[in-house]
PDB file of N, CA and C in Angstrom:
ATOM      1  N   UNK A   1      20.291  51.113  32.115  1.00  0.00           N
ATOM      2  CA  UNK A   1      20.613  52.468  31.676  1.00  0.00           C
ATOM      3  C   UNK A   1      20.300  52.611  30.196  1.00  0.00           C
ATOM      4  N   UNK A   2      19.692  53.712  29.820  1.00  0.00           N
ATOM      5  CA  UNK A   2      19.298  53.969  28.443  1.00  0.00           C
ATOM      6  C   UNK A   2      20.467  54.540  27.645  1.00  0.00           C
ATOM      7  N   UNK A   3      20.566  54.137  26.399  1.00  0.00           N
ATOM      8  CA  UNK A   3      21.595  54.698  25.536  1.00  0.00           C
ATOM      9  C   UNK A   3      20.989  55.635  24.494  1.00  0.00           C
ATOM     10  N   UNK A   4      19.811  56.171  24.787  1.00  0.00           N
ATOM     11  CA  UNK A   4      19.167  57.117  23.885  1.00  0.00           C
ATOM     12  C   UNK A   4      19.942  58.428  23.858  1.00  0.00           C
ATOM     13  N   UNK A   5      20.012  59.031  22.679  1.00  0.00           N
ATOM     14  CA  UNK A   5      20.724  60.294  22.505  1.00  0.00           C
ATOM     15  C   UNK A   5      19.757  61.380  22.052  1.00  0.00           C
ATOM     16  N   UNK A   6      20.139  62.632  22.350  1.00  0.00           N
ATOM     17  CA  UNK A   6      19.279  63.776  22.051  1.00  0.00           C
ATOM     18  C   UNK A   6      20.088  64.904  21.429  1.00  0.00           C
ATOM     19  N   UNK A   7      19.451  65.598  20.486  1.00  0.00           N
ATOM     20  CA  UNK A   7      19.982  66.850  19.954  1.00  0.00           C
ATOM     21  C   UNK A   7      19.334  67.994  20.730  1.00  0.00           C
ATOM     22  N   UNK A   8      20.085  69.081  20.914  1.00  0.00           N
ATOM     23  CA  UNK A   8      19.514  70.311  21.462  1.00  0.00           C
ATOM     24  C   UNK A   8      19.122  71.164  20.262  1.00  0.00           C
ATOM     25  N   UNK A   9      17.862  71.560  20.204  1.00  0.00           N
ATOM     26  CA  UNK A   9      17.308  72.292  19.069  1.00  0.00           C
ATOM     27  C   UNK A   9      16.981  73.716  19.491  1.00  0.00           C
ATOM     28  N   UNK A  10      17.453  74.695  18.679  1.00  0.00           N
ATOM     29  CA  UNK A  10      17.070  76.099  18.879  1.00  0.00           C
ATOM     30  C   UNK A  10      15.791  76.341  18.088  1.00  0.00           C
ATOM     31  N   UNK A  11      14.780  76.846  18.764  1.00  0.00           N
ATOM     32  CA  UNK A  11      13.500  77.140  18.138  1.00  0.00           C
ATOM     33  C   UNK A  11      13.351  78.655  18.088  1.00  0.00           C
ATOM     34  N   UNK A  12      13.334  79.194  16.870  1.00  0.00           N
ATOM     35  CA  UNK A  12      13.266  80.640  16.679  1.00  0.00           C
ATOM     36  C   UNK A  12      11.909  80.982  16.088  1.00  0.00           C
ATOM     37  N   UNK A  13      11.119  81.694  16.877  1.00  0.00           N
ATOM     38  CA  UNK A  13       9.774  82.093  16.476  1.00  0.00           C
ATOM     39  C   UNK A  13       9.821  83.482  15.841  1.00  0.00           C
ATOM     40  N   UNK A  14       9.285  83.598  14.619  1.00  0.00           N
ATOM     41  CA  UNK A  14       9.198  84.885  13.925  1.00  0.00           C
ATOM     42  C   UNK A  14       7.732  85.307  13.878  1.00  0.00           C
ATOM     43  N   UNK A  15       7.280  86.053  14.898  1.00  0.00           N
ATOM     44  CA  UNK A  15       5.849  86.383  14.984  1.00  0.00           C
ATOM     45  C   UNK A  15       5.361  87.292  13.855  1.00  0.00           C
ATOM     46  N   UNK A  16       6.248  88.080  13.261  1.00  0.00           N
ATOM     47  CA  UNK A  16       5.811  89.016  12.222  1.00  0.00           C
ATOM     48  C   UNK A  16       5.302  88.302  10.972  1.00  0.00           C
ATOM     49  N   UNK A  17       5.789  87.090  10.702  1.00  0.00           N
ATOM     50  CA  UNK A  17       5.274  86.345   9.547  1.00  0.00           C
ATOM     51  C   UNK A  17       4.819  84.935   9.941  1.00  0.00           C
ATOM     52  N   UNK A  18       4.632  84.711  11.227  1.00  0.00           N
ATOM     53  CA  UNK A  18       4.082  83.474  11.771  1.00  0.00           C
ATOM     54  C   UNK A  18       4.846  82.230  11.298  1.00  0.00           C
ATOM     55  N   UNK A  19       6.174  82.286  11.383  1.00  0.00           N
ATOM     56  CA  UNK A  19       6.993  81.131  11.020  1.00  0.00           C
ATOM     57  C   UNK A  19       7.898  80.740  12.190  1.00  0.00           C
ATOM     58  N   UNK A  20       8.373  79.524  12.131  1.00  0.00           N
ATOM     59  CA  UNK A  20       9.291  79.005  13.138  1.00  0.00           C
ATOM     60  C   UNK A  20      10.473  78.361  12.420  1.00  0.00           C
ATOM     61  N   UNK A  21      11.670  78.639  12.907  1.00  0.00           N
ATOM     62  CA  UNK A  21      12.886  78.049  12.358  1.00  0.00           C
ATOM     63  C   UNK A  21      13.510  77.152  13.415  1.00  0.00           C
ATOM     64  N   UNK A  22      13.944  75.964  13.005  1.00  0.00           N
ATOM     65  CA  UNK A  22      14.574  75.004  13.905  1.00  0.00           C
ATOM     66  C   UNK A  22      16.024  74.796  13.483  1.00  0.00           C
ATOM     67  N   UNK A  23      16.954  74.851  14.439  1.00  0.00           N
ATOM     68  CA  UNK A  23      18.370  74.614  14.171  1.00  0.00           C
ATOM     69  C   UNK A  23      18.943  73.701  15.244  1.00  0.00           C
ATOM     70  N   UNK A  24      19.744  72.724  14.812  1.00  0.00           N
ATOM     71  CA  UNK A  24      20.461  71.890  15.769  1.00  0.00           C
ATOM     72  C   UNK A  24      21.618  72.715  16.308  1.00  0.00           C
ATOM     73  N   UNK A  25      21.717  72.850  17.622  1.00  0.00           N
ATOM     74  CA  UNK A  25      22.723  73.691  18.261  1.00  0.00           C
ATOM     75  C   UNK A  25      24.129  73.152  18.034  1.00  0.00           C
ATOM     76  N   UNK A  26      24.292  71.837  18.068  1.00  0.00           N
ATOM     77  CA  UNK A  26      25.600  71.206  17.912  1.00  0.00           C
ATOM     78  C   UNK A  26      25.456  69.981  17.024  1.00  0.00           C
ATOM     79  N   UNK A  27      26.533  69.621  16.354  1.00  0.00           N
ATOM     80  CA  UNK A  27      26.479  68.417  15.525  1.00  0.00           C
ATOM     81  C   UNK A  27      26.635  67.153  16.369  1.00  0.00           C
ATOM     82  N   UNK A  28      26.728  67.304  17.667  1.00  0.00           N
ATOM     83  CA  UNK A  28      26.844  66.160  18.571  1.00  0.00           C
ATOM     84  C   UNK A  28      25.495  65.851  19.204  1.00  0.00           C
ATOM     85  N   UNK A  29      25.289  64.572  19.473  1.00  0.00           N
ATOM     86  CA  UNK A  29      24.115  64.128  20.220  1.00  0.00           C
ATOM     87  C   UNK A  29      24.580  63.758  21.628  1.00  0.00           C
ATOM     88  N   UNK A  30      23.712  63.997  22.603  1.00  0.00           N
ATOM     89  CA  UNK A  30      24.088  63.820  24.008  1.00  0.00           C
ATOM     90  C   UNK A  30      23.104  62.904  24.712  1.00  0.00           C
ATOM     91  N   UNK A  31      23.550  62.306  25.832  1.00  0.00           N
ATOM     92  CA  UNK A  31      22.608  61.576  26.668  1.00  0.00           C
ATOM     93  C   UNK A  31      21.657  62.595  27.302  1.00  0.00           C
ATOM     94  N   UNK A  32      20.563  62.108  27.850  1.00  0.00           N
ATOM     95  CA  UNK A  32      19.511  62.999  28.365  1.00  0.00           C
ATOM     96  C   UNK A  32      20.032  63.998  29.387  1.00  0.00           C
ATOM     97  N   UNK A  33      20.860  63.561  30.310  1.00  0.00           N
ATOM     98  CA  UNK A  33      21.363  64.440  31.360  1.00  0.00           C
ATOM     99  C   UNK A  33      22.188  65.591  30.790  1.00  0.00           C
ATOM    100  N   UNK A  34      23.129  65.277  29.912  1.00  0.00           N
ATOM    101  CA  UNK A  34      23.983  66.308  29.309  1.00  0.00           C
ATOM    102  C   UNK A  34      23.158  67.231  28.416  1.00  0.00           C
ATOM    103  N   UNK A  35      22.254  66.662  27.617  1.00  0.00           N
ATOM    104  CA  UNK A  35      21.409  67.478  26.739  1.00  0.00           C
ATOM    105  C   UNK A  35      20.547  68.440  27.552  1.00  0.00           C
ATOM    106  N   UNK A  36      19.996  67.963  28.667  1.00  0.00           N
ATOM    107  CA  UNK A  36      19.169  68.826  29.515  1.00  0.00           C
ATOM    108  C   UNK A  36      19.998  69.942  30.137  1.00  0.00           C
ATOM    109  N   UNK A  37      21.229  69.632  30.550  1.00  0.00           N
ATOM    110  CA  UNK A  37      22.109  70.671  31.099  1.00  0.00           C
ATOM    111  C   UNK A  37      22.410  71.743  30.053  1.00  0.00           C
ATOM    112  N   UNK A  38      22.652  71.329  28.809  1.00  0.00           N
ATOM    113  CA  UNK A  38      22.917  72.294  27.730  1.00  0.00           C
ATOM    114  C   UNK A  38      21.680  73.134  27.464  1.00  0.00           C
ATOM    115  N   UNK A  39      20.517  72.491  27.421  1.00  0.00           N
ATOM    116  CA  UNK A  39      19.264  73.210  27.182  1.00  0.00           C
ATOM    117  C   UNK A  39      19.022  74.259  28.264  1.00  0.00           C
ATOM    118  N   UNK A  40      19.197  73.869  29.512  1.00  0.00           N
ATOM    119  CA  UNK A  40      18.979  74.807  30.623  1.00  0.00           C
ATOM    120  C   UNK A  40      19.956  75.972  30.543  1.00  0.00           C
ATOM    121  N   UNK A  41      21.219  75.696  30.253  1.00  0.00           N
ATOM    122  CA  UNK A  41      22.223  76.763  30.123  1.00  0.00           C
ATOM    123  C   UNK A  41      21.863  77.703  28.986  1.00  0.00           C
ATOM    124  N   UNK A  42      21.443  77.153  27.852  1.00  0.00           N
ATOM    125  CA  UNK A  42      21.055  77.994  26.711  1.00  0.00           C
ATOM    126  C   UNK A  42      19.847  78.858  27.072  1.00  0.00           C
ATOM    127  N   UNK A  43      18.859  78.265  27.739  1.00  0.00           N
ATOM    128  CA  UNK A  43      17.666  79.017  28.155  1.00  0.00           C
ATOM    129  C   UNK A  43      18.042  80.180  29.079  1.00  0.00           C
ATOM    130  N   UNK A  44      18.969  79.933  29.996  1.00  0.00           N
ATOM    131  CA  UNK A  44      19.376  80.975  30.944  1.00  0.00           C
ATOM    132  C   UNK A  44      20.108  82.107  30.230  1.00  0.00           C
ATOM    133  N   UNK A  45      20.994  81.754  29.288  1.00  0.00           N
ATOM    134  CA  UNK A  45      21.816  82.772  28.613  1.00  0.00           C
ATOM    135  C   UNK A  45      21.086  83.506  27.497  1.00  0.00           C
ATOM    136  N   UNK A  46      20.014  82.928  26.973  1.00  0.00           N
ATOM    137  CA  UNK A  46      19.321  83.521  25.827  1.00  0.00           C
ATOM    138  C   UNK A  46      18.587  84.800  26.235  1.00  0.00           C
ATOM    139  N   UNK A  47      18.826  85.885  25.501  1.00  0.00           N
ATOM    140  CA  UNK A  47      18.178  87.158  25.790  1.00  0.00           C
ATOM    141  C   UNK A  47      17.039  87.472  24.823  1.00  0.00           C
ATOM    142  N   UNK A  48      16.954  86.756  23.729  1.00  0.00           N
ATOM    143  CA  UNK A  48      15.892  86.982  22.744  1.00  0.00           C
ATOM    144  C   UNK A  48      14.665  86.168  23.157  1.00  0.00           C
ATOM    145  N   UNK A  49      13.577  86.855  23.452  1.00  0.00           N
ATOM    146  CA  UNK A  49      12.374  86.166  23.926  1.00  0.00           C
ATOM    147  C   UNK A  49      11.723  85.298  22.852  1.00  0.00           C
ATOM    148  N   UNK A  50      12.119  85.462  21.596  1.00  0.00           N
ATOM    149  CA  UNK A  50      11.566  84.658  20.506  1.00  0.00           C
ATOM    150  C   UNK A  50      12.348  83.368  20.263  1.00  0.00           C
ATOM    151  N   UNK A  51      13.380  83.129  21.064  1.00  0.00           N
ATOM    152  CA  UNK A  51      14.191  81.921  20.917  1.00  0.00           C
ATOM    153  C   UNK A  51      14.039  81.058  22.164  1.00  0.00           C
ATOM    154  N   UNK A  52      13.782  79.784  21.926  1.00  0.00           N
ATOM    155  CA  UNK A  52      13.726  78.814  23.019  1.00  0.00           C
ATOM    156  C   UNK A  52      14.511  77.578  22.580  1.00  0.00           C
ATOM    157  N   UNK A  53      14.655  76.637  23.484  1.00  0.00           N
ATOM    158  CA  UNK A  53      15.435  75.430  23.211  1.00  0.00           C
ATOM    159  C   UNK A  53      14.626  74.213  23.588  1.00  0.00           C
ATOM    160  N   UNK A  54      14.740  73.169  22.774  1.00  0.00           N
ATOM    161  CA  UNK A  54      14.041  71.918  23.017  1.00  0.00           C
ATOM    162  C   UNK A  54      14.991  70.763  22.774  1.00  0.00           C
ATOM    163  N   UNK A  55      14.623  69.606  23.272  1.00  0.00           N
ATOM    164  CA  UNK A  55      15.396  68.398  23.013  1.00  0.00           C
ATOM    165  C   UNK A  55      14.668  67.556  21.983  1.00  0.00           C
ATOM    166  N   UNK A  56      15.441  66.956  21.091  1.00  0.00           N
ATOM    167  CA  UNK A  56      14.882  66.057  20.090  1.00  0.00           C
ATOM    168  C   UNK A  56      15.609  64.724  20.167  1.00  0.00           C
ATOM    169  N   UNK A  57      14.864  63.666  20.419  1.00  0.00           N
ATOM    170  CA  UNK A  57      15.458  62.336  20.479  1.00  0.00           C
ATOM    171  C   UNK A  57      15.999  61.949  19.102  1.00  0.00           C
ATOM    172  N   UNK A  58      17.202  61.409  19.075  1.00  0.00           N
ATOM    173  CA  UNK A  58      17.814  60.968  17.823  1.00  0.00           C
ATOM    174  C   UNK A  58      17.181  59.644  17.425  1.00  0.00           C
ATOM    175  N   UNK A  59      16.621  59.621  16.228  1.00  0.00           N
ATOM    176  CA  UNK A  59      15.990  58.413  15.706  1.00  0.00           C
ATOM    177  C   UNK A  59      16.266  58.365  14.206  1.00  0.00           C
ATOM    178  N   UNK A  60      17.486  58.005  13.854  1.00  0.00           N
ATOM    179  CA  UNK A  60      17.901  57.993  12.459  1.00  0.00           C
ATOM    180  C   UNK A  60      17.527  56.669  11.808  1.00  0.00           C
ATOM    181  N   UNK A  61      17.167  56.741  10.536  1.00  0.00           N
ATOM    182  CA  UNK A  61      16.778  55.562   9.779  1.00  0.00           C
ATOM    183  C   UNK A  61      17.775  55.370   8.651  1.00  0.00           C
ATOM    184  N   UNK A  62      18.369  54.200   8.579  1.00  0.00           N
ATOM    185  CA  UNK A  62      19.299  53.876   7.493  1.00  0.00           C
ATOM    186  C   UNK A  62      18.491  53.331   6.327  1.00  0.00           C
ATOM    187  N   UNK A  63      18.444  54.090   5.242  1.00  0.00           N
ATOM    188  CA  UNK A  63      17.669  53.660   4.068  1.00  0.00           C
ATOM    189  C   UNK A  63      18.574  53.054   2.998  1.00  0.00           C
ATOM    190  N   UNK A  64      19.822  52.852   3.335  1.00  0.00           N
ATOM    191  CA  UNK A  64      20.746  52.242   2.383  1.00  0.00           C
ATOM    192  C   UNK A  64      21.292  53.259   1.408  1.00  0.00           C
ATOM    193  N   UNK A  65      22.064  52.768   0.471  1.00  0.00           N
ATOM    194  CA  UNK A  65      22.713  53.644  -0.497  1.00  0.00           C
ATOM    195  C   UNK A  65      21.741  53.971  -1.632  1.00  0.00           C
ATOM    196  N   UNK A  66      21.721  55.232  -1.994  1.00  0.00           N
ATOM    197  CA  UNK A  66      20.838  55.695  -3.062  1.00  0.00           C
ATOM    198  C   UNK A  66      21.405  55.292  -4.427  1.00  0.00           C
ATOM    199  N   UNK A  67      20.537  54.914  -5.328  1.00  0.00           N
ATOM    200  CA  UNK A  67      20.955  54.566  -6.691  1.00  0.00           C
ATOM    201  C   UNK A  67      21.494  55.786  -7.408  1.00  0.00           C
ATOM    202  N   UNK A  68      20.963  56.970  -7.092  1.00  0.00           N
ATOM    203  CA  UNK A  68      21.401  58.207  -7.722  1.00  0.00           C
ATOM    204  C   UNK A  68      22.827  58.553  -7.286  1.00  0.00           C
ATOM    205  N   UNK A  69      23.142  58.331  -6.034  1.00  0.00           N
ATOM    206  CA  UNK A  69      24.450  58.696  -5.499  1.00  0.00           C
ATOM    207  C   UNK A  69      25.530  57.673  -5.833  1.00  0.00           C
ATOM    208  N   UNK A  70      25.155  56.501  -6.276  1.00  0.00           N
ATOM    209  CA  UNK A  70      26.162  55.472  -6.524  1.00  0.00           C
ATOM    210  C   UNK A  70      26.767  55.570  -7.917  1.00  0.00           C
TER     211      UNK A  70
END
């Protein structure tokens, strides 16, 4: 069984100025099954045709403590 986690991402297309905005729907990461269920539910409930939902695999990199922040 995989322990990979996914964020659900809201993709907002602004055709008038040809830009795209990405937002994480929740601060939680989910397994593939739960993330897909959330994505499908969001797709069904969304009424704005310029908004869609995608999954993004969580792949965080620990770069250690910054010298500036210490």
